[in-house]
PDB file of N, CA and C in Angstrom:
ATOM      1  N   MET A   1       0.837  -1.183   0.000  1.00  0.00           N
ATOM      2  CA  MET A   1       0.000   0.000   0.000  1.00  0.00           C
ATOM      3  C   MET A   1       0.888   1.254   0.000  1.00  0.00           C
ATOM      4  N   CYS A   2       0.442   2.296  -0.644  1.00  0.00           N
ATOM      5  CA  CYS A   2       1.276   3.491  -0.847  1.00  0.00           C
ATOM      6  C   CYS A   2       1.079   4.570   0.213  1.00  0.00           C
ATOM      7  N   ASN A   3       0.058   4.454   1.059  1.00  0.00           N
ATOM      8  CA  ASN A   3      -0.254   5.469   2.081  1.00  0.00           C
ATOM      9  C   ASN A   3      -0.484   6.850   1.477  1.00  0.00           C
ATOM     10  N   GLY A   4      -1.171   6.900   0.339  1.00  0.00           N
ATOM     11  CA  GLY A   4      -1.529   8.165  -0.280  1.00  0.00           C
ATOM     12  C   GLY A   4      -0.501   8.737  -1.222  1.00  0.00           C
ATOM     13  N   ALA A   5       0.601   8.045  -1.466  1.00  0.00           N
ATOM     14  CA  ALA A   5       1.651   8.575  -2.336  1.00  0.00           C
ATOM     15  C   ALA A   5       1.421   8.232  -3.806  1.00  0.00           C
ATOM     16  N   ALA A   6       0.542   7.286  -4.108  1.00  0.00           N
ATOM     17  CA  ALA A   6       0.218   6.833  -5.464  1.00  0.00           C
ATOM     18  C   ALA A   6       1.334   6.030  -6.110  1.00  0.00           C
ATOM     19  N   THR A   7       2.469   5.903  -5.434  1.00  0.00           N
ATOM     20  CA  THR A   7       3.560   5.074  -5.942  1.00  0.00           C
ATOM     21  C   THR A   7       4.095   4.212  -4.805  1.00  0.00           C
ATOM     22  N   VAL A   8       4.680   3.092  -5.176  1.00  0.00           N
ATOM     23  CA  VAL A   8       5.332   2.226  -4.204  1.00  0.00           C
ATOM     24  C   VAL A   8       6.767   2.012  -4.647  1.00  0.00           C
ATOM     25  N   GLN A   9       7.633   1.775  -3.693  1.00  0.00           N
ATOM     26  CA  GLN A   9       9.038   1.577  -4.012  1.00  0.00           C
ATOM     27  C   GLN A   9       9.257   0.133  -4.462  1.00  0.00           C
ATOM     28  N   GLY A  10       9.685  -0.022  -5.709  1.00  0.00           N
ATOM     29  CA  GLY A  10      10.048  -1.330  -6.211  1.00  0.00           C
ATOM     30  C   GLY A  10      11.491  -1.630  -5.840  1.00  0.00           C
ATOM     31  N   LEU A  11      12.009  -2.688  -6.407  1.00  0.00           N
ATOM     32  CA  LEU A  11      13.385  -3.060  -6.091  1.00  0.00           C
ATOM     33  C   LEU A  11      14.385  -2.032  -6.627  1.00  0.00           C
ATOM     34  N   PHE A  12      14.140  -1.542  -7.854  1.00  0.00           N
ATOM     35  CA  PHE A  12      15.071  -0.602  -8.476  1.00  0.00           C
ATOM     36  C   PHE A  12      14.481   0.777  -8.748  1.00  0.00           C
ATOM     37  N   HIS A  13      13.159   0.910  -8.717  1.00  0.00           N
ATOM     38  CA  HIS A  13      12.531   2.193  -9.025  1.00  0.00           C
ATOM     39  C   HIS A  13      11.124   2.235  -8.434  1.00  0.00           C
ATOM     40  N   GLU A  14      10.539   3.434  -8.444  1.00  0.00           N
ATOM     41  CA  GLU A  14       9.169   3.572  -7.971  1.00  0.00           C
ATOM     42  C   GLU A  14       8.204   3.093  -9.048  1.00  0.00           C
ATOM     43  N   MET A  15       7.125   2.449  -8.608  1.00  0.00           N
ATOM     44  CA  MET A  15       6.094   1.959  -9.522  1.00  0.00           C
ATOM     45  C   MET A  15       4.749   2.508  -9.070  1.00  0.00           C
ATOM     46  N   LYS A  16       3.792   2.571  -9.984  1.00  0.00           N
ATOM     47  CA  LYS A  16       2.476   3.045  -9.587  1.00  0.00           C
ATOM     48  C   LYS A  16       1.824   2.015  -8.676  1.00  0.00           C
ATOM     49  N   CYS A  17       1.047   2.502  -7.741  1.00  0.00           N
ATOM     50  CA  CYS A  17       0.378   1.648  -6.772  1.00  0.00           C
ATOM     51  C   CYS A  17      -0.875   1.054  -7.407  1.00  0.00           C
ATOM     52  N   TYR A  18      -0.978  -0.254  -7.398  1.00  0.00           N
ATOM     53  CA  TYR A  18      -2.143  -0.914  -7.990  1.00  0.00           C
ATOM     54  C   TYR A  18      -3.301  -1.008  -7.014  1.00  0.00           C
ATOM     55  N   ASP A  19      -3.038  -0.844  -5.712  1.00  0.00           N
ATOM     56  CA  ASP A  19      -4.117  -0.892  -4.724  1.00  0.00           C
ATOM     57  C   ASP A  19      -5.053   0.309  -4.856  1.00  0.00           C
ATOM     58  N   CYS A  20      -4.512   1.466  -5.251  1.00  0.00           N
ATOM     59  CA  CYS A  20      -5.328   2.688  -5.353  1.00  0.00           C
ATOM     60  C   CYS A  20      -5.434   3.185  -6.789  1.00  0.00           C
ATOM     61  N   ASN A  21      -4.992   2.387  -7.747  1.00  0.00           N
ATOM     62  CA  ASN A  21      -4.986   2.777  -9.168  1.00  0.00           C
ATOM     63  C   ASN A  21      -4.160   4.040  -9.391  1.00  0.00           C
ATOM     64  N   ALA A  22      -3.097   4.204  -8.643  1.00  0.00           N
ATOM     65  CA  ALA A  22      -2.153   5.317  -8.755  1.00  0.00           C
ATOM     66  C   ALA A  22      -2.801   6.671  -8.517  1.00  0.00           C
ATOM     67  N   THR A  23      -3.848   6.698  -7.659  1.00  0.00           N
ATOM     68  CA  THR A  23      -4.479   7.972  -7.315  1.00  0.00           C
ATOM     69  C   THR A  23      -4.106   8.430  -5.914  1.00  0.00           C
ATOM     70  N   GLY A  24      -3.709   7.498  -5.061  1.00  0.00           N
ATOM     71  CA  GLY A  24      -3.425   7.841  -3.679  1.00  0.00           C
ATOM     72  C   GLY A  24      -4.671   7.940  -2.834  1.00  0.00           C
ATOM     73  N   LEU A  25      -5.836   7.598  -3.409  1.00  0.00           N
ATOM     74  CA  LEU A  25      -7.115   7.700  -2.709  1.00  0.00           C
ATOM     75  C   LEU A  25      -7.767   6.325  -2.611  1.00  0.00           C
ATOM     76  N   VAL A  26      -8.143   5.938  -1.390  1.00  0.00           N
ATOM     77  CA  VAL A  26      -8.838   4.671  -1.169  1.00  0.00           C
ATOM     78  C   VAL A  26     -10.021   4.904  -0.250  1.00  0.00           C
ATOM     79  N   ASP A  27     -10.950   3.966  -0.244  1.00  0.00           N
ATOM     80  CA  ASP A  27     -12.099   4.006   0.653  1.00  0.00           C
ATOM     81  C   ASP A  27     -11.610   3.761   2.079  1.00  0.00           C
ATOM     82  N   ASN A  28     -12.009   4.613   3.016  1.00  0.00           N
ATOM     83  CA  ASN A  28     -11.548   4.484   4.400  1.00  0.00           C
ATOM     84  C   ASN A  28     -11.984   3.174   5.040  1.00  0.00           C
ATOM     85  N   GLU A  29     -13.188   2.721   4.723  1.00  0.00           N
ATOM     86  CA  GLU A  29     -13.717   1.531   5.377  1.00  0.00           C
ATOM     87  C   GLU A  29     -13.172   0.238   4.780  1.00  0.00           C
ATOM     88  N   THR A  30     -13.132   0.157   3.450  1.00  0.00           N
ATOM     89  CA  THR A  30     -12.751  -1.092   2.801  1.00  0.00           C
ATOM     90  C   THR A  30     -11.292  -1.130   2.380  1.00  0.00           C
ATOM     91  N   GLY A  31     -10.669   0.027   2.166  1.00  0.00           N
ATOM     92  CA  GLY A  31      -9.294   0.075   1.694  1.00  0.00           C
ATOM     93  C   GLY A  31      -9.165  -0.167   0.208  1.00  0.00           C
ATOM     94  N   GLU A  32     -10.294  -0.263  -0.496  1.00  0.00           N
ATOM     95  CA  GLU A  32     -10.286  -0.491  -1.935  1.00  0.00           C
ATOM     96  C   GLU A  32     -10.163   0.834  -2.679  1.00  0.00           C
ATOM     97  N   ALA A  33      -9.689   0.755  -3.910  1.00  0.00           N
ATOM     98  CA  ALA A  33      -9.548   1.949  -4.747  1.00  0.00           C
ATOM     99  C   ALA A  33     -10.916   2.572  -4.988  1.00  0.00           C
ATOM    100  N   LEU A  34     -10.950   3.890  -5.041  1.00  0.00           N
ATOM    101  CA  LEU A  34     -12.200   4.595  -5.323  1.00  0.00           C
ATOM    102  C   LEU A  34     -12.563   4.463  -6.797  1.00  0.00           C
ATOM    103  N   GLN A  35     -13.845   4.561  -7.056  1.00  0.00           N
ATOM    104  CA  GLN A  35     -14.331   4.578  -8.437  1.00  0.00           C
ATOM    105  C   GLN A  35     -13.916   5.900  -9.081  1.00  0.00           C
ATOM    106  N   PRO A  36     -13.759   5.923 -10.413  1.00  0.00           N
ATOM    107  CA  PRO A  36     -13.304   7.155 -11.083  1.00  0.00           C
ATOM    108  C   PRO A  36     -14.147   8.388 -10.770  1.00  0.00           C
ATOM    109  N   GLU A  37     -15.472   8.245 -10.663  1.00  0.00           N
ATOM    110  CA  GLU A  37     -16.307   9.414 -10.363  1.00  0.00           C
ATOM    111  C   GLU A  37     -16.066   9.903  -8.934  1.00  0.00           C
ATOM    112  N   ASP A  38     -15.765   8.986  -8.010  1.00  0.00           N
ATOM    113  CA  ASP A  38     -15.455   9.390  -6.641  1.00  0.00           C
ATOM    114  C   ASP A  38     -14.083  10.063  -6.561  1.00  0.00           C
ATOM    115  N   VAL A  39     -13.132   9.581  -7.348  1.00  0.00           N
ATOM    116  CA  VAL A  39     -11.810  10.206  -7.399  1.00  0.00           C
ATOM    117  C   VAL A  39     -11.939  11.620  -7.938  1.00  0.00           C
ATOM    118  N   THR A  40     -12.763  11.785  -8.970  1.00  0.00           N
ATOM    119  CA  THR A  40     -12.979  13.121  -9.543  1.00  0.00           C
ATOM    120  C   THR A  40     -13.543  14.066  -8.495  1.00  0.00           C
ATOM    121  N   LEU A  41     -14.521  13.602  -7.744  1.00  0.00           N
ATOM    122  CA  LEU A  41     -15.118  14.436  -6.701  1.00  0.00           C
ATOM    123  C   LEU A  41     -14.088  14.813  -5.643  1.00  0.00           C
ATOM    124  N   GLN A  42     -13.293  13.857  -5.188  1.00  0.00           N
ATOM    125  CA  GLN A  42     -12.282  14.128  -4.176  1.00  0.00           C
ATOM    126  C   GLN A  42     -11.236  15.115  -4.681  1.00  0.00           C
ATOM    127  N   LEU A  43     -10.816  14.950  -5.929  1.00  0.00           N
ATOM    128  CA  LEU A  43      -9.830  15.869  -6.492  1.00  0.00           C
ATOM    129  C   LEU A  43     -10.392  17.274  -6.647  1.00  0.00           C
ATOM    130  N   GLN A  44     -11.686  17.389  -6.989  1.00  0.00           N
ATOM    131  CA  GLN A  44     -12.305  18.710  -7.076  1.00  0.00           C
ATOM    132  C   GLN A  44     -12.332  19.385  -5.713  1.00  0.00           C
ATOM    133  N   LEU A  45     -12.637  18.612  -4.665  1.00  0.00           N
ATOM    134  CA  LEU A  45     -12.645  19.177  -3.312  1.00  0.00           C
ATOM    135  C   LEU A  45     -11.248  19.629  -2.893  1.00  0.00           C
ATOM    136  N   LEU A  46     -10.248  18.807  -3.185  1.00  0.00           N
ATOM    137  CA  LEU A  46      -8.867  19.190  -2.863  1.00  0.00           C
ATOM    138  C   LEU A  46      -8.434  20.427  -3.633  1.00  0.00           C
ATOM    139  N   LEU A  47      -8.815  20.504  -4.897  1.00  0.00           N
ATOM    140  CA  LEU A  47      -8.468  21.670  -5.709  1.00  0.00           C
ATOM    141  C   LEU A  47      -9.124  22.927  -5.151  1.00  0.00           C
ATOM    142  N   ARG A  48     -10.360  22.829  -4.739  1.00  0.00           N
ATOM    143  CA  ARG A  48     -11.065  23.980  -4.165  1.00  0.00           C
ATOM    144  C   ARG A  48     -10.367  24.444  -2.881  1.00  0.00           C
ATOM    145  N   GLN A  49      -9.959  23.489  -2.039  1.00  0.00           N
ATOM    146  CA  GLN A  49      -9.249  23.846  -0.809  1.00  0.00           C
ATOM    147  C   GLN A  49      -7.921  24.537  -1.120  1.00  0.00           C
ATOM    148  N   GLN A  50      -7.186  24.017  -2.085  1.00  0.00           N
ATOM    149  CA  GLN A  50      -5.896  24.599  -2.441  1.00  0.00           C
ATOM    150  C   GLN A  50      -6.055  25.993  -3.028  1.00  0.00           C
ATOM    151  N   ARG A  51      -7.086  26.188  -3.839  1.00  0.00           N
ATOM    152  CA  ARG A  51      -7.337  27.526  -4.403  1.00  0.00           C
ATOM    153  C   ARG A  51      -7.665  28.527  -3.312  1.00  0.00           C
ATOM    154  N   GLU A  52      -8.487  28.118  -2.340  1.00  0.00           N
ATOM    155  CA  GLU A  52      -8.843  29.013  -1.247  1.00  0.00           C
ATOM    156  C   GLU A  52      -7.613  29.350  -0.405  1.00  0.00           C
ATOM    157  N   GLU A  53      -6.776  28.350  -0.140  1.00  0.00           N
ATOM    158  CA  GLU A  53      -5.546  28.603   0.608  1.00  0.00           C
ATOM    159  C   GLU A  53      -4.619  29.542  -0.168  1.00  0.00           C
ATOM    160  N   ASN A  54      -4.537  29.335  -1.480  1.00  0.00           N
ATOM    161  CA  ASN A  54      -3.715  30.196  -2.331  1.00  0.00           C
ATOM    162  C   ASN A  54      -4.233  31.631  -2.304  1.00  0.00           C
ATOM    163  N   ASN A  55      -5.543  31.809  -2.398  1.00  0.00           N
ATOM    164  CA  ASN A  55      -6.124  33.148  -2.352  1.00  0.00           C
ATOM    165  C   ASN A  55      -5.861  33.814  -1.004  1.00  0.00           C
ATOM    166  N   GLN A  56      -5.959  33.033   0.075  1.00  0.00           N
ATOM    167  CA  GLN A  56      -5.702  33.581   1.405  1.00  0.00           C
ATOM    168  C   GLN A  56      -4.249  34.033   1.533  1.00  0.00           C
ATOM    169  N   LEU A  57      -3.320  33.236   1.032  1.00  0.00           N
ATOM    170  CA  LEU A  57      -1.911  33.618   1.088  1.00  0.00           C
ATOM    171  C   LEU A  57      -1.635  34.851   0.234  1.00  0.00           C
ATOM    172  N   ARG A  58      -2.300  34.960  -0.901  1.00  0.00           N
ATOM    173  CA  ARG A  58      -2.142  36.152  -1.741  1.00  0.00           C
ATOM    174  C   ARG A  58      -2.647  37.396  -1.031  1.00  0.00           C
ATOM    175  N   ARG A  59      -3.789  37.267  -0.320  1.00  0.00           N
ATOM    176  CA  ARG A  59      -4.314  38.407   0.442  1.00  0.00           C
ATOM    177  C   ARG A  59      -3.323  38.829   1.526  1.00  0.00           C
ATOM    178  N   GLN A  60      -2.769  37.834   2.227  1.00  0.00           N
ATOM    179  CA  GLN A  60      -1.796  38.141   3.273  1.00  0.00           C
ATOM    180  C   GLN A  60      -0.560  38.811   2.692  1.00  0.00           C
ATOM    181  N   LEU A  61      -0.098  38.346   1.543  1.00  0.00           N
ATOM    182  CA  LEU A  61       1.069  38.941   0.901  1.00  0.00           C
ATOM    183  C   LEU A  61       0.784  40.375   0.481  1.00  0.00           C
ATOM    184  N   ARG A  62      -0.404  40.610  -0.073  1.00  0.00           N
ATOM    185  CA  ARG A  62      -0.785  41.974  -0.462  1.00  0.00           C
ATOM    186  C   ARG A  62      -0.803  42.907   0.736  1.00  0.00           C
ATOM    187  N   GLU A  63      -1.356  42.406   1.854  1.00  0.00           N
ATOM    188  CA  GLU A  63      -1.399  43.224   3.068  1.00  0.00           C
ATOM    189  C   GLU A  63       0.007  43.551   3.569  1.00  0.00           C
ATOM    190  N   LEU A  64       0.888  42.564   3.539  1.00  0.00           N
ATOM    191  CA  LEU A  64       2.264  42.800   3.971  1.00  0.00           C
ATOM    192  C   LEU A  64       2.975  43.786   3.052  1.00  0.00           C
ATOM    193  N   GLN A  65       2.728  43.682   1.753  1.00  0.00           N
ATOM    194  CA  GLN A  65       3.360  44.600   0.809  1.00  0.00           C
ATOM    195  C   GLN A  65       2.856  46.019   1.024  1.00  0.00           C
ATOM    196  N   GLN A  66       1.572  46.167   1.316  1.00  0.00           N
ATOM    197  CA  GLN A  66       1.030  47.501   1.563  1.00  0.00           C
ATOM    198  C   GLN A  66       1.622  48.096   2.830  1.00  0.00           C
ATOM    199  N   GLN A  67       1.814  47.282   3.854  1.00  0.00           N
ATOM    200  CA  GLN A  67       2.413  47.766   5.095  1.00  0.00           C
ATOM    201  C   GLN A  67       3.859  48.173   4.862  1.00  0.00           C
ATOM    202  N   ASP A  68       4.597  47.345   4.117  1.00  0.00           N
ATOM    203  CA  ASP A  68       6.002  47.646   3.849  1.00  0.00           C
ATOM    204  C   ASP A  68       6.147  48.899   3.001  1.00  0.00           C
ATOM    205  N   ASN A  69       5.309  49.060   1.987  1.00  0.00           N
ATOM    206  CA  ASN A  69       5.420  50.203   1.095  1.00  0.00           C
ATOM    207  C   ASN A  69       5.090  51.510   1.797  1.00  0.00           C
ATOM    208  N   SER A  70       4.234  51.470   2.783  1.00  0.00           N
ATOM    209  CA  SER A  70       3.882  52.707   3.474  1.00  0.00           C
ATOM    210  C   SER A  70       5.043  53.218   4.335  1.00  0.00           C
ATOM    211  N   ARG A  71       5.962  52.345   4.710  1.00  0.00           N
ATOM    212  CA  ARG A  71       7.101  52.751   5.520  1.00  0.00           C
ATOM    213  C   ARG A  71       8.338  53.009   4.666  1.00  0.00           C
ATOM    214  N   GLY A  72       8.254  52.793   3.367  1.00  0.00           N
ATOM    215  CA  GLY A  72       9.387  53.045   2.503  1.00  0.00           C
ATOM    216  C   GLY A  72      10.367  51.894   2.425  1.00  0.00           C
ATOM    217  N   TYR A  73       9.959  50.727   2.886  1.00  0.00           N
ATOM    218  CA  TYR A  73      10.847  49.572   2.853  1.00  0.00           C
ATOM    219  C   TYR A  73      10.470  48.655   1.701  1.00  0.00           C
ATOM    220  N   GLY A  74      11.441  47.969   1.170  1.00  0.00           N
ATOM    221  CA  GLY A  74      11.212  47.026   0.086  1.00  0.00           C
ATOM    222  C   GLY A  74      11.211  45.600   0.589  1.00  0.00           C
ATOM    223  N   ALA A  75      11.621  44.708  -0.274  1.00  0.00           N
ATOM    224  CA  ALA A  75      11.641  43.290   0.060  1.00  0.00           C
ATOM    225  C   ALA A  75      12.582  43.027   1.226  1.00  0.00           C
ATOM    226  N   ALA A  76      12.180  42.129   2.108  1.00  0.00           N
ATOM    227  CA  ALA A  76      12.965  41.730   3.276  1.00  0.00           C
ATOM    228  C   ALA A  76      13.252  42.908   4.205  1.00  0.00           C
ATOM    229  N   GLY A  77      12.444  43.958   4.154  1.00  0.00           N
ATOM    230  CA  GLY A  77      12.589  45.086   5.061  1.00  0.00           C
ATOM    231  C   GLY A  77      13.745  46.010   4.749  1.00  0.00           C
ATOM    232  N   GLN A  78      14.322  45.911   3.565  1.00  0.00           N
ATOM    233  CA  GLN A  78      15.458  46.756   3.203  1.00  0.00           C
ATOM    234  C   GLN A  78      14.975  47.984   2.449  1.00  0.00           C
ATOM    235  N   ARG A  79      15.702  49.077   2.657  1.00  0.00           N
ATOM    236  CA  ARG A  79      15.378  50.304   1.908  1.00  0.00           C
ATOM    237  C   ARG A  79      16.035  50.260   0.546  1.00  0.00           C
ATOM    238  N   TYR A  80      15.325  50.802  -0.422  1.00  0.00           N
ATOM    239  CA  TYR A  80      15.861  50.909  -1.779  1.00  0.00           C
ATOM    240  C   TYR A  80      16.537  52.265  -1.920  1.00  0.00           C
ATOM    241  N   HIS A  81      17.812  52.269  -2.305  1.00  0.00           N
ATOM    242  CA  HIS A  81      18.569  53.519  -2.403  1.00  0.00           C
ATOM    243  C   HIS A  81      18.708  53.999  -3.833  1.00  0.00           C
ATOM    244  N   GLY A  82      18.252  53.217  -4.793  1.00  0.00           N
ATOM    245  CA  GLY A  82      18.334  53.642  -6.188  1.00  0.00           C
ATOM    246  C   GLY A  82      19.709  53.474  -6.804  1.00  0.00           C
ATOM    247  N   ASP A  83      20.575  52.734  -6.178  1.00  0.00           N
ATOM    248  CA  ASP A  83      21.927  52.536  -6.704  1.00  0.00           C
ATOM    249  C   ASP A  83      21.942  51.508  -7.808  1.00  0.00           C
TER     250      ASP A  83
END
């Protein structure tokens, strides 16, 4: 079993996991591979979570940039001297 990695370590190289059909997703109760429509649903949910996290990080970055710019500091808190 791959424990969600979708690959297993073979003798000489990594191979796709046949227990989960190389998706890294299995049914919690049975341990069997999910059906393709269930995998699609799970991937859509994960994508939505990642997009929301990405948007949140972008908002935080924008806020930090606005705070830094108001004090005249650039990246990493350094002043730009125009040299």
